[in-house]
Amino acid sequence: MRTRILAPALAALALLTACTSQKAADEPDDAPRPGSLRILASSELSDMAPVLDRIADDTGIEVRPTYMGTLDAVELLAKGKADGRYDALWLSSNDYLRLRPEAARKVVSETPVMSSPVAVGIRSTQLGKLGFEPENVTWSQIERAVQDGRLTYGMTDPARSNSGFATLVSVASALSGAQSALTDADVAEATPRLKEFFKGQKLTSGSSGWLATAYKRRGNVDALLNYESVLKGIPGLTVIRPKDGVITADYPLSSLASTNTATREDVRRLTEALRGDGIQQLITERTHRRPVVSSVDPAPGLDTGRRRELPFPGTRSVADGLLESYENELRRPSRTVYVLDTSGSMEGDRLEQLKQALTDLTGDFREREEVTLMPFGSGVKSVATHVVDPADPEAGLAGIREETDALTAEGDTAIYTSLQAAYRHLGSARDTFTSIVLMTDGENTAGADSAGFHAFYVGLDRERRATPVFPILFGDSSRSELEYIAELTGGRLFDAQKGSLDGAFEEIRGYQ
């Protein structure tokens, strides 16, 4: 059972740092430097790099962002792990932060920079079949289309991505008929309808970028639920803001209490530059987000019709309760095969790291989830499947921990043969999210080679090919080999060489 609603995944996520200029040689990315601001930012803001480069030229302020899921960033802030490491906070929204007093007190100012509402992007070729008039569509109409089997969609994981969380709140508010901020009673009232609504979700993701890539690659869903700005960048979608209301991100740039006066002045100057007419125009044209100053018009194609702004939950208990309901009741359950390298090179500390990471991960498994452990060396050593049964979740979790504790290291490294076994184990698609996680500390040395695996994979039926492999770079594993596997199967590579193994496993949870 998922006992940690907002698991941090901080060690791995903190490494996703990008700068608008080269960092000094041999200097840590998070070290303070004169004339620069270290900003903890929502992951979707990576598309602001050209804007930040322009501001650096205009003002001399270098922005050094670390990109992270919004809810994970709030968790880091609440635990005090941002103190001294970051100079400012730039999330898609501070709404959830305000529900966490230990995080909210870390912020001393906030100023909106741009905005983007939650929206529904429907494949334009599907729109006529649905009979929708884009300017008049409601969440209830979308719900009916899902119930009738006429609409399937993808959205990001609400427990990690603010776009997913804002979408979840928007749907729950609209379907419950709440006239003010959601309450526990509203959530309970809407739960039967929400269960039906989320039967239409066939694609999940830990990030908006991967969601868009998977949508274009798989072609097996009719729509995406995300921010308008993200959807506008995907060809072939008609973007709709439901008439009965949505939640809007306002991207506030916030100063942190742990900083000094000079740093806060730099944050103020950066905010002022971002809200200038020229930069606001650049933002809306490049990112499809809406300007927050009245003197600048939204980019062409952004609907200017008024829509009701749905209220955000007023208490953390309601927000977390809604998340827990989604994770354990509303969403499709997950089926994951963990293909684990336990070859001879894993002997010692590496095997202990793997055992610890998997043991820690059991606290994050959801009810109804099916977890298969498939350790391998020269071949697959064993296949053990456990289900986290809502009637007795601890039995399944205890089984996973027992299997993990029994892992031993021996043999060569049969990566491709083991991946083939994982695909065979998963078999035909069910009403679940399926994925394969591959952890290896070396290169393939036994069994099938890459060409053999390629032939095997392309020979699978379309449904089985829709299962991605998420490789973890660890120890002496080959980046090129694992990138090839991720690209072939539509997965994503996670790096535990620079971060931690437990952080990589945890970050993958957003994609399962």
Protein backbone atom coordinates (compact mmCIF):
# COMPACT_ATOMS: atom_id res chain seq x y z
CA MET A 1 0.00 0.00 0.00
CA ARG A 2 1.24 3.46 -0.82
CA THR A 3 2.01 4.93 2.59
CA ARG A 4 4.02 7.94 1.41
CA ILE A 5 1.91 10.28 -0.70
CA LEU A 6 4.80 12.55 -1.61
CA ALA A 7 7.93 10.40 -1.66
CA PRO A 8 10.82 12.70 -2.35
CA ALA A 9 13.06 11.03 -4.94
CA LEU A 10 15.32 13.91 -4.10
CA ALA A 11 18.74 12.42 -4.61
CA ALA A 12 18.14 11.59 -8.26
CA LEU A 13 15.96 14.55 -9.06
CA ALA A 14 18.41 17.08 -7.69
CA LEU A 15 20.83 16.10 -10.43
CA LEU A 16 18.52 17.25 -13.21
CA THR A 17 20.20 20.63 -13.28
CA ALA A 18 20.54 22.76 -16.39
CA CYS A 19 22.28 26.12 -16.62
CA THR A 20 21.90 29.00 -18.99
CA SER A 21 25.69 29.21 -19.21
CA GLN A 22 28.66 26.95 -18.54
CA LYS A 23 29.43 26.36 -14.88
CA ALA A 24 32.96 27.05 -13.68
CA ALA A 25 35.39 24.16 -13.96
CA ASP A 26 35.40 21.81 -10.97
CA GLU A 27 32.66 23.84 -9.25
CA PRO A 28 29.58 22.03 -7.91
CA ASP A 29 26.34 22.94 -9.68
CA ASP A 30 24.72 24.03 -6.42
CA ALA A 31 27.59 26.22 -5.19
CA PRO A 32 26.77 29.95 -4.86
CA ARG A 33 28.36 32.25 -7.42
CA PRO A 34 28.23 36.04 -7.71
CA GLY A 35 25.82 37.27 -10.36
CA SER A 36 23.84 34.04 -10.53
CA LEU A 37 20.66 32.65 -8.96
CA ARG A 38 20.18 29.00 -8.07
CA ILE A 39 16.49 28.34 -8.68
CA LEU A 40 14.46 25.26 -7.74
CA ALA A 41 11.99 25.05 -10.62
CA SER A 42 9.10 22.91 -11.86
CA SER A 43 10.31 20.50 -14.54
CA GLU A 44 8.11 21.93 -17.33
CA LEU A 45 9.98 25.23 -17.05
CA SER A 46 12.92 23.74 -18.94
CA ASP A 47 11.36 25.32 -22.05
CA MET A 48 12.20 28.75 -20.62
CA ALA A 49 15.94 28.38 -21.34
CA PRO A 50 15.91 30.78 -24.35
CA VAL A 51 14.02 33.37 -22.30
CA LEU A 52 16.50 33.08 -19.45
CA ASP A 53 19.41 33.44 -21.87
CA ARG A 54 17.87 36.67 -23.13
CA ILE A 55 17.47 37.96 -19.58
CA ALA A 56 21.08 37.07 -18.79
CA ASP A 57 22.16 39.21 -21.76
CA ASP A 58 19.88 42.08 -20.70
CA THR A 59 20.48 42.10 -16.94
CA GLY A 60 23.66 40.11 -16.29
CA ILE A 61 21.75 37.72 -14.00
CA GLU A 62 22.60 34.09 -14.74
CA VAL A 63 19.81 31.66 -13.83
CA ARG A 64 20.90 28.17 -12.78
CA PRO A 65 17.74 26.06 -12.47
CA THR A 66 17.35 22.62 -10.96
CA TYR A 67 14.25 21.01 -12.45
CA MET A 68 12.02 18.87 -10.29
CA GLY A 69 8.39 17.77 -10.02
CA THR A 70 6.41 20.49 -8.24
CA LEU A 71 5.15 18.32 -5.39
CA ASP A 72 8.60 16.81 -4.87
CA ALA A 73 10.04 20.33 -4.70
CA VAL A 74 7.55 21.27 -1.99
CA GLU A 75 8.60 18.18 -0.04
CA LEU A 76 12.27 19.15 -0.31
CA LEU A 77 11.46 22.67 0.83
CA ALA A 78 9.38 21.42 3.77
CA LYS A 79 12.24 19.22 5.00
CA GLY A 80 14.67 22.15 4.95
CA LYS A 81 16.82 20.55 2.24
CA ALA A 82 16.57 23.62 0.01
CA ASP A 83 18.07 25.94 2.65
CA GLY A 84 21.43 27.24 1.44
CA ARG A 85 21.23 25.26 -1.81
CA TYR A 86 18.76 27.49 -3.66
CA ASP A 87 18.19 31.22 -3.90
CA ALA A 88 14.64 31.18 -5.26
CA LEU A 89 11.68 28.96 -5.99
CA TRP A 90 9.84 28.88 -9.32
CA LEU A 91 7.00 26.40 -9.35
CA SER A 92 4.02 26.10 -11.65
CA SER A 93 1.88 26.95 -8.64
CA ASN A 94 2.32 27.61 -4.92
CA ASP A 95 -1.18 26.32 -4.11
CA TYR A 96 -0.02 23.03 -2.60
CA LEU A 97 2.92 24.74 -0.90
CA ARG A 98 0.45 26.93 1.03
CA LEU A 99 -1.10 23.79 2.52
CA ARG A 100 2.28 22.84 4.01
CA PRO A 101 3.11 25.38 6.76
CA GLU A 102 6.64 24.02 7.12
CA ALA A 103 7.20 24.76 3.41
CA ALA A 104 5.19 27.99 3.21
CA ARG A 105 7.29 29.64 5.91
CA LYS A 106 10.36 29.16 3.71
CA VAL A 107 8.93 31.62 1.16
CA VAL A 108 8.98 35.37 1.83
CA SER A 109 7.59 36.74 -1.43
CA GLU A 110 5.98 35.49 -4.64
CA THR A 111 5.07 37.18 -7.91
CA PRO A 112 3.19 35.50 -10.82
CA VAL A 113 5.19 35.47 -14.05
CA MET A 114 2.80 33.86 -16.58
CA SER A 115 -0.20 31.54 -16.56
CA SER A 116 -1.58 28.40 -18.17
CA PRO A 117 -4.89 26.67 -17.43
CA VAL A 118 -5.52 22.94 -17.31
CA ALA A 119 -6.97 21.85 -20.64
CA VAL A 120 -7.94 18.81 -22.68
CA GLY A 121 -6.13 18.19 -25.97
CA ILE A 122 -8.24 15.92 -28.19
CA ARG A 123 -6.94 14.39 -31.40
CA SER A 124 -8.48 16.64 -34.04
CA THR A 125 -9.53 13.67 -36.17
CA GLN A 126 -11.54 12.35 -33.20
CA LEU A 127 -13.32 15.61 -32.43
CA GLY A 128 -16.02 15.26 -35.09
CA LYS A 129 -16.83 11.70 -33.98
CA LEU A 130 -17.42 12.97 -30.46
CA GLY A 131 -19.73 15.74 -31.63
CA PHE A 132 -17.95 18.29 -29.42
CA GLU A 133 -18.14 22.03 -29.94
CA PRO A 134 -14.72 23.05 -28.53
CA GLU A 135 -15.92 26.33 -26.97
CA ASN A 136 -18.81 24.60 -25.13
CA VAL A 137 -17.33 21.30 -23.90
CA THR A 138 -17.80 20.44 -20.21
CA TRP A 139 -16.11 17.90 -17.97
CA SER A 140 -19.41 16.01 -17.83
CA GLN A 141 -19.39 15.64 -21.62
CA ILE A 142 -15.85 14.31 -21.47
CA GLU A 143 -16.92 11.92 -18.71
CA ARG A 144 -19.79 10.59 -20.85
CA ALA A 145 -17.48 10.07 -23.82
CA VAL A 146 -15.12 8.07 -21.56
CA GLN A 147 -17.98 5.98 -20.17
CA ASP A 148 -19.21 5.22 -23.69
CA GLY A 149 -15.75 4.02 -24.70
CA ARG A 150 -15.36 6.84 -27.20
CA LEU A 151 -12.47 8.64 -25.48
CA THR A 152 -9.22 7.50 -23.91
CA TYR A 153 -6.49 9.79 -22.59
CA GLY A 154 -3.16 10.23 -20.87
CA MET A 155 -2.15 12.47 -17.94
CA THR A 156 0.83 12.90 -15.64
CA ASP A 157 1.06 11.37 -12.17
CA PRO A 158 -0.69 13.74 -9.69
CA ALA A 159 1.62 12.63 -6.87
CA ARG A 160 4.64 14.09 -8.66
CA SER A 161 3.52 16.52 -11.33
CA ASN A 162 1.49 19.65 -10.65
CA SER A 163 -0.13 19.38 -14.08
CA GLY A 164 -1.48 15.97 -13.05
CA PHE A 165 -2.53 17.22 -9.62
CA ALA A 166 -4.23 20.32 -11.02
CA THR A 167 -6.05 18.12 -13.53
CA LEU A 168 -7.17 15.74 -10.78
CA VAL A 169 -8.51 18.63 -8.70
CA SER A 170 -10.23 20.15 -11.75
CA VAL A 171 -12.01 16.90 -12.59
CA ALA A 172 -12.97 16.19 -8.97
CA SER A 173 -14.29 19.73 -8.47
CA ALA A 174 -16.34 19.69 -11.66
CA LEU A 175 -17.80 16.21 -11.23
CA SER A 176 -18.62 16.74 -7.55
CA GLY A 177 -20.47 19.97 -8.28
CA ALA A 178 -18.50 21.72 -5.50
CA GLN A 179 -19.29 25.42 -5.33
CA SER A 180 -16.27 26.22 -3.18
CA ALA A 181 -13.01 24.54 -2.22
CA LEU A 182 -13.19 20.74 -2.27
CA THR A 183 -14.03 19.01 1.00
CA ASP A 184 -13.73 15.37 2.05
CA ALA A 185 -17.49 15.06 1.50
CA ASP A 186 -17.14 16.38 -2.05
CA VAL A 187 -14.44 13.83 -2.84
CA ALA A 188 -16.57 11.02 -1.40
CA GLU A 189 -19.57 12.23 -3.42
CA ALA A 190 -17.57 12.31 -6.65
CA THR A 191 -15.67 9.03 -6.17
CA PRO A 192 -18.07 6.76 -8.14
CA ARG A 193 -17.98 9.13 -11.11
CA LEU A 194 -14.22 9.58 -10.79
CA LYS A 195 -13.70 5.80 -10.92
CA GLU A 196 -15.55 5.71 -14.21
CA PHE A 197 -13.68 8.75 -15.50
CA PHE A 198 -10.24 7.30 -14.80
CA LYS A 199 -11.06 4.08 -16.61
CA GLY A 200 -10.32 6.17 -19.69
CA GLN A 201 -6.72 6.86 -18.61
CA LYS A 202 -4.43 4.57 -20.58
CA LEU A 203 -1.20 6.52 -20.37
CA THR A 204 0.62 7.84 -17.30
CA SER A 205 3.91 9.70 -16.88
CA GLY A 206 6.15 11.43 -14.39
CA SER A 207 6.67 14.39 -16.72
CA SER A 208 4.78 16.33 -19.37
CA GLY A 209 7.62 15.94 -21.87
CA TRP A 210 7.65 12.14 -21.75
CA LEU A 211 3.83 12.10 -21.84
CA ALA A 212 3.85 14.02 -25.12
CA THR A 213 6.54 11.73 -26.57
CA ALA A 214 4.67 8.59 -25.54
CA TYR A 215 1.42 9.96 -26.98
CA LYS A 216 3.00 10.53 -30.37
CA ARG A 217 4.86 7.20 -30.33
CA ARG A 218 2.06 4.91 -29.21
CA GLY A 219 -0.96 6.48 -30.85
CA ASN A 220 -3.26 4.48 -28.57
CA VAL A 221 -5.04 7.34 -26.77
CA ASP A 222 -7.38 9.97 -28.13
CA ALA A 223 -6.49 12.85 -25.82
CA LEU A 224 -4.12 14.31 -23.25
CA LEU A 225 -5.02 16.16 -20.04
CA ASN A 226 -2.36 18.72 -19.22
CA TYR A 227 -1.62 22.43 -19.18
CA GLU A 228 -2.79 24.34 -22.23
CA SER A 229 0.80 25.46 -22.92
CA VAL A 230 2.02 21.84 -23.17
CA LEU A 231 -0.88 20.73 -25.37
CA LYS A 232 -0.44 23.66 -27.77
CA GLY A 233 3.01 22.36 -28.61
CA ILE A 234 1.72 18.96 -29.81
CA PRO A 235 0.62 18.85 -33.46
CA GLY A 236 -2.76 17.36 -34.29
CA LEU A 237 -4.53 18.27 -31.04
CA THR A 238 -7.53 20.55 -30.60
CA VAL A 239 -7.10 22.21 -27.21
CA ILE A 240 -10.23 22.69 -25.11
CA ARG A 241 -10.71 24.48 -21.79
CA PRO A 242 -13.81 22.85 -20.27
CA LYS A 243 -16.60 25.37 -19.86
CA ASP A 244 -17.43 24.37 -16.28
CA GLY A 245 -14.01 25.37 -15.01
CA VAL A 246 -10.34 24.56 -14.64
CA ILE A 247 -7.40 25.30 -12.36
CA THR A 248 -4.73 27.66 -13.67
CA ALA A 249 -1.00 27.65 -12.96
CA ASP A 250 0.45 31.14 -12.41
CA TYR A 251 4.18 30.27 -12.15
CA PRO A 252 5.16 32.54 -9.23
CA LEU A 253 8.83 33.38 -8.75
CA SER A 254 9.44 33.29 -5.01
CA SER A 255 12.24 34.49 -2.74
CA LEU A 256 13.39 32.13 0.01
CA ALA A 257 13.70 33.08 3.65
CA SER A 258 17.15 31.49 3.87
CA THR A 259 18.68 34.06 1.49
CA ASN A 260 20.24 37.46 2.18
CA THR A 261 19.11 40.94 1.12
CA ALA A 262 21.38 41.09 -1.93
CA THR A 263 20.05 37.77 -3.25
CA ARG A 264 16.44 38.86 -2.77
CA GLU A 265 17.20 42.03 -4.69
CA ASP A 266 18.51 39.91 -7.58
CA VAL A 267 15.30 37.84 -7.44
CA ARG A 268 13.28 41.06 -7.57
CA ARG A 269 15.26 42.26 -10.59
CA LEU A 270 14.77 38.91 -12.32
CA THR A 271 11.03 39.05 -11.63
CA GLU A 272 10.83 42.57 -12.99
CA ALA A 273 12.64 41.50 -16.15
CA LEU A 274 10.35 38.50 -16.63
CA ARG A 275 7.28 40.75 -16.36
CA GLY A 276 8.57 43.33 -18.84
CA ASP A 277 6.53 43.72 -22.04
CA GLY A 278 9.23 42.38 -24.35
CA ILE A 279 9.92 39.27 -22.29
CA GLN A 280 6.20 38.64 -21.70
CA GLN A 281 5.71 38.71 -25.48
CA LEU A 282 8.61 36.32 -25.93
CA ILE A 283 7.22 33.97 -23.27
CA THR A 284 3.74 33.74 -24.79
CA GLU A 285 5.07 33.29 -28.34
CA ARG A 286 7.64 30.63 -27.42
CA THR A 287 5.83 28.68 -24.69
CA HIS A 288 2.09 29.27 -25.34
CA ARG A 289 1.71 30.49 -21.76
CA ARG A 290 -0.39 33.55 -21.14
CA PRO A 291 1.09 36.94 -20.16
CA VAL A 292 0.26 38.35 -16.72
CA VAL A 293 0.55 42.00 -17.73
CA SER A 294 -2.44 43.61 -19.44
CA SER A 295 -0.33 45.47 -22.01
CA VAL A 296 0.66 42.19 -23.74
CA ASP A 297 -1.82 40.05 -25.66
CA PRO A 298 -1.76 36.23 -25.54
CA ALA A 299 -0.11 34.53 -28.50
CA PRO A 300 -2.34 33.78 -31.51
CA GLY A 301 -4.38 30.62 -31.03
CA LEU A 302 -4.87 31.03 -27.28
CA ASP A 303 -8.59 31.17 -26.58
CA THR A 304 -9.44 34.41 -24.75
CA GLY A 305 -12.96 33.36 -23.70
CA ARG A 306 -13.65 33.48 -19.97
CA ARG A 307 -13.70 30.27 -17.96
CA ARG A 308 -14.55 29.67 -14.33
CA GLU A 309 -11.50 29.25 -12.11
CA LEU A 310 -12.08 26.21 -9.91
CA PRO A 311 -10.96 26.54 -6.27
CA PHE A 312 -8.00 24.63 -4.92
CA PRO A 313 -8.56 22.37 -1.85
CA GLY A 314 -8.50 24.40 1.33
CA THR A 315 -6.73 21.86 3.52
CA ARG A 316 -3.85 19.47 3.12
CA SER A 317 -5.97 16.56 4.38
CA VAL A 318 -8.35 16.98 1.44
CA ALA A 319 -5.50 17.32 -1.07
CA ASP A 320 -3.63 14.29 0.25
CA GLY A 321 -6.87 12.32 0.61
CA LEU A 322 -7.66 12.98 -3.04
CA LEU A 323 -4.16 11.86 -4.03
CA GLU A 324 -4.40 8.68 -1.97
CA SER A 325 -7.80 7.90 -3.46
CA TYR A 326 -6.42 8.36 -6.96
CA GLU A 327 -3.38 6.18 -6.30
CA ASN A 328 -5.15 3.30 -4.58
CA GLU A 329 -8.71 3.35 -5.96
CA LEU A 330 -9.30 5.53 -9.01
CA ARG A 331 -6.42 4.90 -11.42
CA ARG A 332 -5.72 1.70 -13.30
CA PRO A 333 -3.47 -0.61 -11.27
CA SER A 334 0.14 -1.14 -12.30
CA ARG A 335 1.99 -4.27 -13.41
CA THR A 336 5.78 -3.99 -13.32
CA VAL A 337 8.57 -6.47 -13.89
CA TYR A 338 11.81 -5.53 -12.14
CA VAL A 339 14.63 -7.12 -14.18
CA LEU A 340 17.50 -7.03 -11.69
CA ASP A 341 21.16 -7.67 -12.42
CA THR A 342 22.50 -10.03 -9.76
CA SER A 343 25.57 -11.15 -11.70
CA GLY A 344 28.92 -11.71 -10.01
CA SER A 345 29.93 -8.05 -10.38
CA MET A 346 27.06 -7.08 -8.04
CA GLU A 347 28.69 -8.89 -5.13
CA GLY A 348 29.18 -6.77 -2.03
CA ASP A 349 28.18 -3.13 -1.73
CA ARG A 350 26.30 -2.97 -5.02
CA LEU A 351 24.00 -5.82 -4.07
CA GLU A 352 23.40 -4.27 -0.66
CA GLN A 353 22.46 -0.97 -2.33
CA LEU A 354 19.99 -2.84 -4.54
CA LYS A 355 18.44 -4.64 -1.58
CA GLN A 356 18.12 -1.44 0.40
CA ALA A 357 16.57 0.46 -2.53
CA LEU A 358 13.97 -2.25 -3.18
CA THR A 359 13.15 -2.61 0.50
CA ASP A 360 12.61 1.15 0.79
CA LEU A 361 10.47 1.09 -2.35
CA THR A 362 7.92 -1.26 -0.79
CA GLY A 363 6.61 1.71 1.20
CA ASP A 364 5.58 3.31 -2.08
CA PHE A 365 3.74 0.46 -3.82
CA ARG A 366 0.05 1.09 -4.41
CA GLU A 367 -2.88 -1.12 -3.54
CA ARG A 368 -3.83 -3.50 -6.41
CA GLU A 369 -0.30 -3.26 -7.83
CA GLU A 370 1.37 -6.36 -9.25
CA VAL A 371 5.14 -6.49 -8.75
CA THR A 372 7.38 -9.15 -10.31
CA LEU A 373 11.02 -9.55 -9.29
CA MET A 374 13.15 -11.18 -12.01
CA PRO A 375 16.80 -11.38 -10.88
CA PHE A 376 19.26 -12.51 -13.54
CA GLY A 377 22.88 -13.42 -14.10
CA SER A 378 23.80 -15.72 -16.98
CA GLY A 379 20.05 -16.11 -17.36
CA VAL A 380 16.87 -15.49 -15.38
CA LYS A 381 17.32 -16.97 -11.91
CA SER A 382 13.74 -16.80 -10.66
CA VAL A 383 10.39 -15.15 -11.25
CA ALA A 384 8.39 -14.06 -8.19
CA THR A 385 5.14 -12.12 -8.52
CA HIS A 386 3.37 -10.40 -5.63
CA VAL A 387 0.11 -8.44 -5.59
CA VAL A 388 -0.56 -5.68 -3.07
CA ASP A 389 -4.07 -6.86 -2.18
CA PRO A 390 -6.19 -4.11 -0.55
CA ALA A 391 -7.58 -6.75 1.82
CA ASP A 392 -4.10 -7.60 3.10
CA PRO A 393 -1.47 -5.30 1.58
CA GLU A 394 1.22 -6.24 4.07
CA ALA A 395 1.29 -9.83 2.85
CA GLY A 396 2.34 -8.78 -0.65
CA LEU A 397 4.85 -6.23 0.63
CA ALA A 398 6.37 -8.75 3.03
CA GLY A 399 6.76 -11.18 0.14
CA ILE A 400 8.64 -8.58 -1.90
CA ARG A 401 10.95 -7.83 1.01
CA GLU A 402 11.59 -11.54 1.58
CA GLU A 403 12.46 -12.12 -2.09
CA THR A 404 14.71 -9.04 -2.02
CA ASP A 405 16.60 -10.20 1.05
CA ALA A 406 17.30 -13.56 -0.61
CA LEU A 407 19.03 -12.08 -3.68
CA THR A 408 22.57 -13.35 -4.30
CA ALA A 409 25.22 -12.31 -6.82
CA GLU A 410 26.70 -14.79 -9.30
CA GLY A 411 27.03 -15.43 -13.04
CA ASP A 412 27.43 -13.35 -16.18
CA THR A 413 25.12 -10.59 -17.47
CA ALA A 414 22.31 -11.68 -19.80
CA ILE A 415 20.48 -8.39 -20.26
CA TYR A 416 18.63 -9.02 -23.51
CA THR A 417 17.61 -12.60 -22.73
CA SER A 418 16.15 -11.42 -19.43
CA LEU A 419 14.23 -8.57 -21.07
CA GLN A 420 12.69 -11.07 -23.48
CA ALA A 421 11.58 -13.14 -20.49
CA ALA A 422 10.00 -10.04 -18.92
CA TYR A 423 7.95 -9.32 -22.04
CA ARG A 424 6.82 -12.95 -22.18
CA HIS A 425 5.83 -12.82 -18.52
CA LEU A 426 3.67 -9.73 -18.99
CA GLY A 427 1.88 -11.36 -21.91
CA SER A 428 -1.14 -9.69 -23.47
CA ALA A 429 -2.19 -6.29 -22.19
CA ARG A 430 -4.70 -6.11 -19.35
CA ASP A 431 -6.57 -3.18 -17.90
CA THR A 432 -3.34 -1.97 -16.27
CA PHE A 433 -0.31 0.27 -16.71
CA THR A 434 2.55 -2.08 -17.60
CA SER A 435 6.28 -1.38 -17.52
CA ILE A 436 9.65 -3.07 -17.17
CA VAL A 437 12.42 -1.66 -14.97
CA LEU A 438 15.93 -2.82 -15.88
CA MET A 439 18.74 -2.37 -13.36
CA THR A 440 22.22 -3.48 -14.40
CA ASP A 441 25.76 -2.61 -13.34
CA GLY A 442 27.46 -3.85 -16.50
CA GLU A 443 27.23 -4.60 -20.21
CA ASN A 444 25.59 -7.61 -21.81
CA THR A 445 27.97 -10.62 -21.72
CA ALA A 446 25.70 -13.64 -22.18
CA GLY A 447 22.61 -14.83 -24.04
CA ALA A 448 20.88 -12.83 -26.77
CA ASP A 449 22.60 -9.78 -28.22
CA SER A 450 21.12 -6.39 -29.13
CA ALA A 451 20.26 -7.49 -32.68
CA GLY A 452 18.42 -10.53 -31.35
CA PHE A 453 16.48 -8.40 -28.89
CA HIS A 454 15.60 -5.90 -31.61
CA ALA A 455 14.19 -8.69 -33.78
CA PHE A 456 12.26 -10.05 -30.79
CA TYR A 457 10.83 -6.67 -29.85
CA VAL A 458 9.67 -5.61 -33.32
CA GLY A 459 8.03 -9.03 -33.67
CA LEU A 460 5.76 -8.39 -30.69
CA ASP A 461 2.18 -7.33 -31.28
CA ARG A 462 1.35 -3.63 -30.93
CA GLU A 463 -0.08 -3.97 -27.41
CA ARG A 464 3.03 -5.67 -26.04
CA ARG A 465 5.33 -3.17 -27.76
CA ALA A 466 3.51 -0.43 -25.83
CA THR A 467 5.23 -1.62 -22.63
CA PRO A 468 8.30 0.61 -22.08
CA VAL A 469 11.58 -0.39 -20.50
CA PHE A 470 13.02 2.06 -17.95
CA PRO A 471 16.75 1.24 -17.63
CA ILE A 472 18.79 2.43 -14.66
CA LEU A 473 22.43 3.39 -15.29
CA PHE A 474 24.40 1.97 -12.36
CA GLY A 475 27.94 0.84 -11.61
CA ASP A 476 29.78 0.06 -14.86
CA SER A 477 26.74 -0.23 -17.12
CA SER A 478 26.92 1.22 -20.63
CA ARG A 479 24.99 4.43 -21.22
CA SER A 480 24.81 3.80 -24.98
CA GLU A 481 23.48 0.27 -24.48
CA LEU A 482 20.79 1.38 -22.04
CA GLU A 483 19.85 4.43 -24.09
CA TYR A 484 19.34 2.08 -27.04
CA ILE A 485 16.95 -0.08 -24.99
CA ALA A 486 15.02 2.95 -23.73
CA GLU A 487 14.71 4.46 -27.21
CA LEU A 488 13.68 1.18 -28.85
CA THR A 489 10.92 0.46 -26.31
CA GLY A 490 9.73 4.02 -25.72
CA GLY A 491 11.08 4.20 -22.18
CA ARG A 492 13.46 6.60 -20.47
CA LEU A 493 16.94 6.24 -18.99
CA PHE A 494 17.48 7.03 -15.29
CA ASP A 495 20.98 7.76 -14.01
CA ALA A 496 22.05 6.24 -10.69
CA GLN A 497 25.77 6.69 -11.43
CA LYS A 498 25.55 10.37 -10.52
CA GLY A 499 22.65 10.02 -8.10
CA SER A 500 21.49 7.13 -5.97
CA LEU A 501 19.88 3.80 -6.81
CA ASP A 502 16.97 4.36 -4.44
CA GLY A 503 16.40 7.81 -5.98
CA ALA A 504 16.27 6.32 -9.49
CA PHE A 505 13.80 3.60 -8.46
CA GLU A 506 11.64 6.21 -6.75
CA GLU A 507 11.65 8.61 -9.70
CA ILE A 508 10.47 5.82 -12.02
CA ARG A 509 7.36 5.47 -9.88
CA GLY A 510 5.83 8.45 -11.66
CA TYR A 511 5.88 6.46 -14.91
CA GLN A 512 4.25 3.27 -13.59
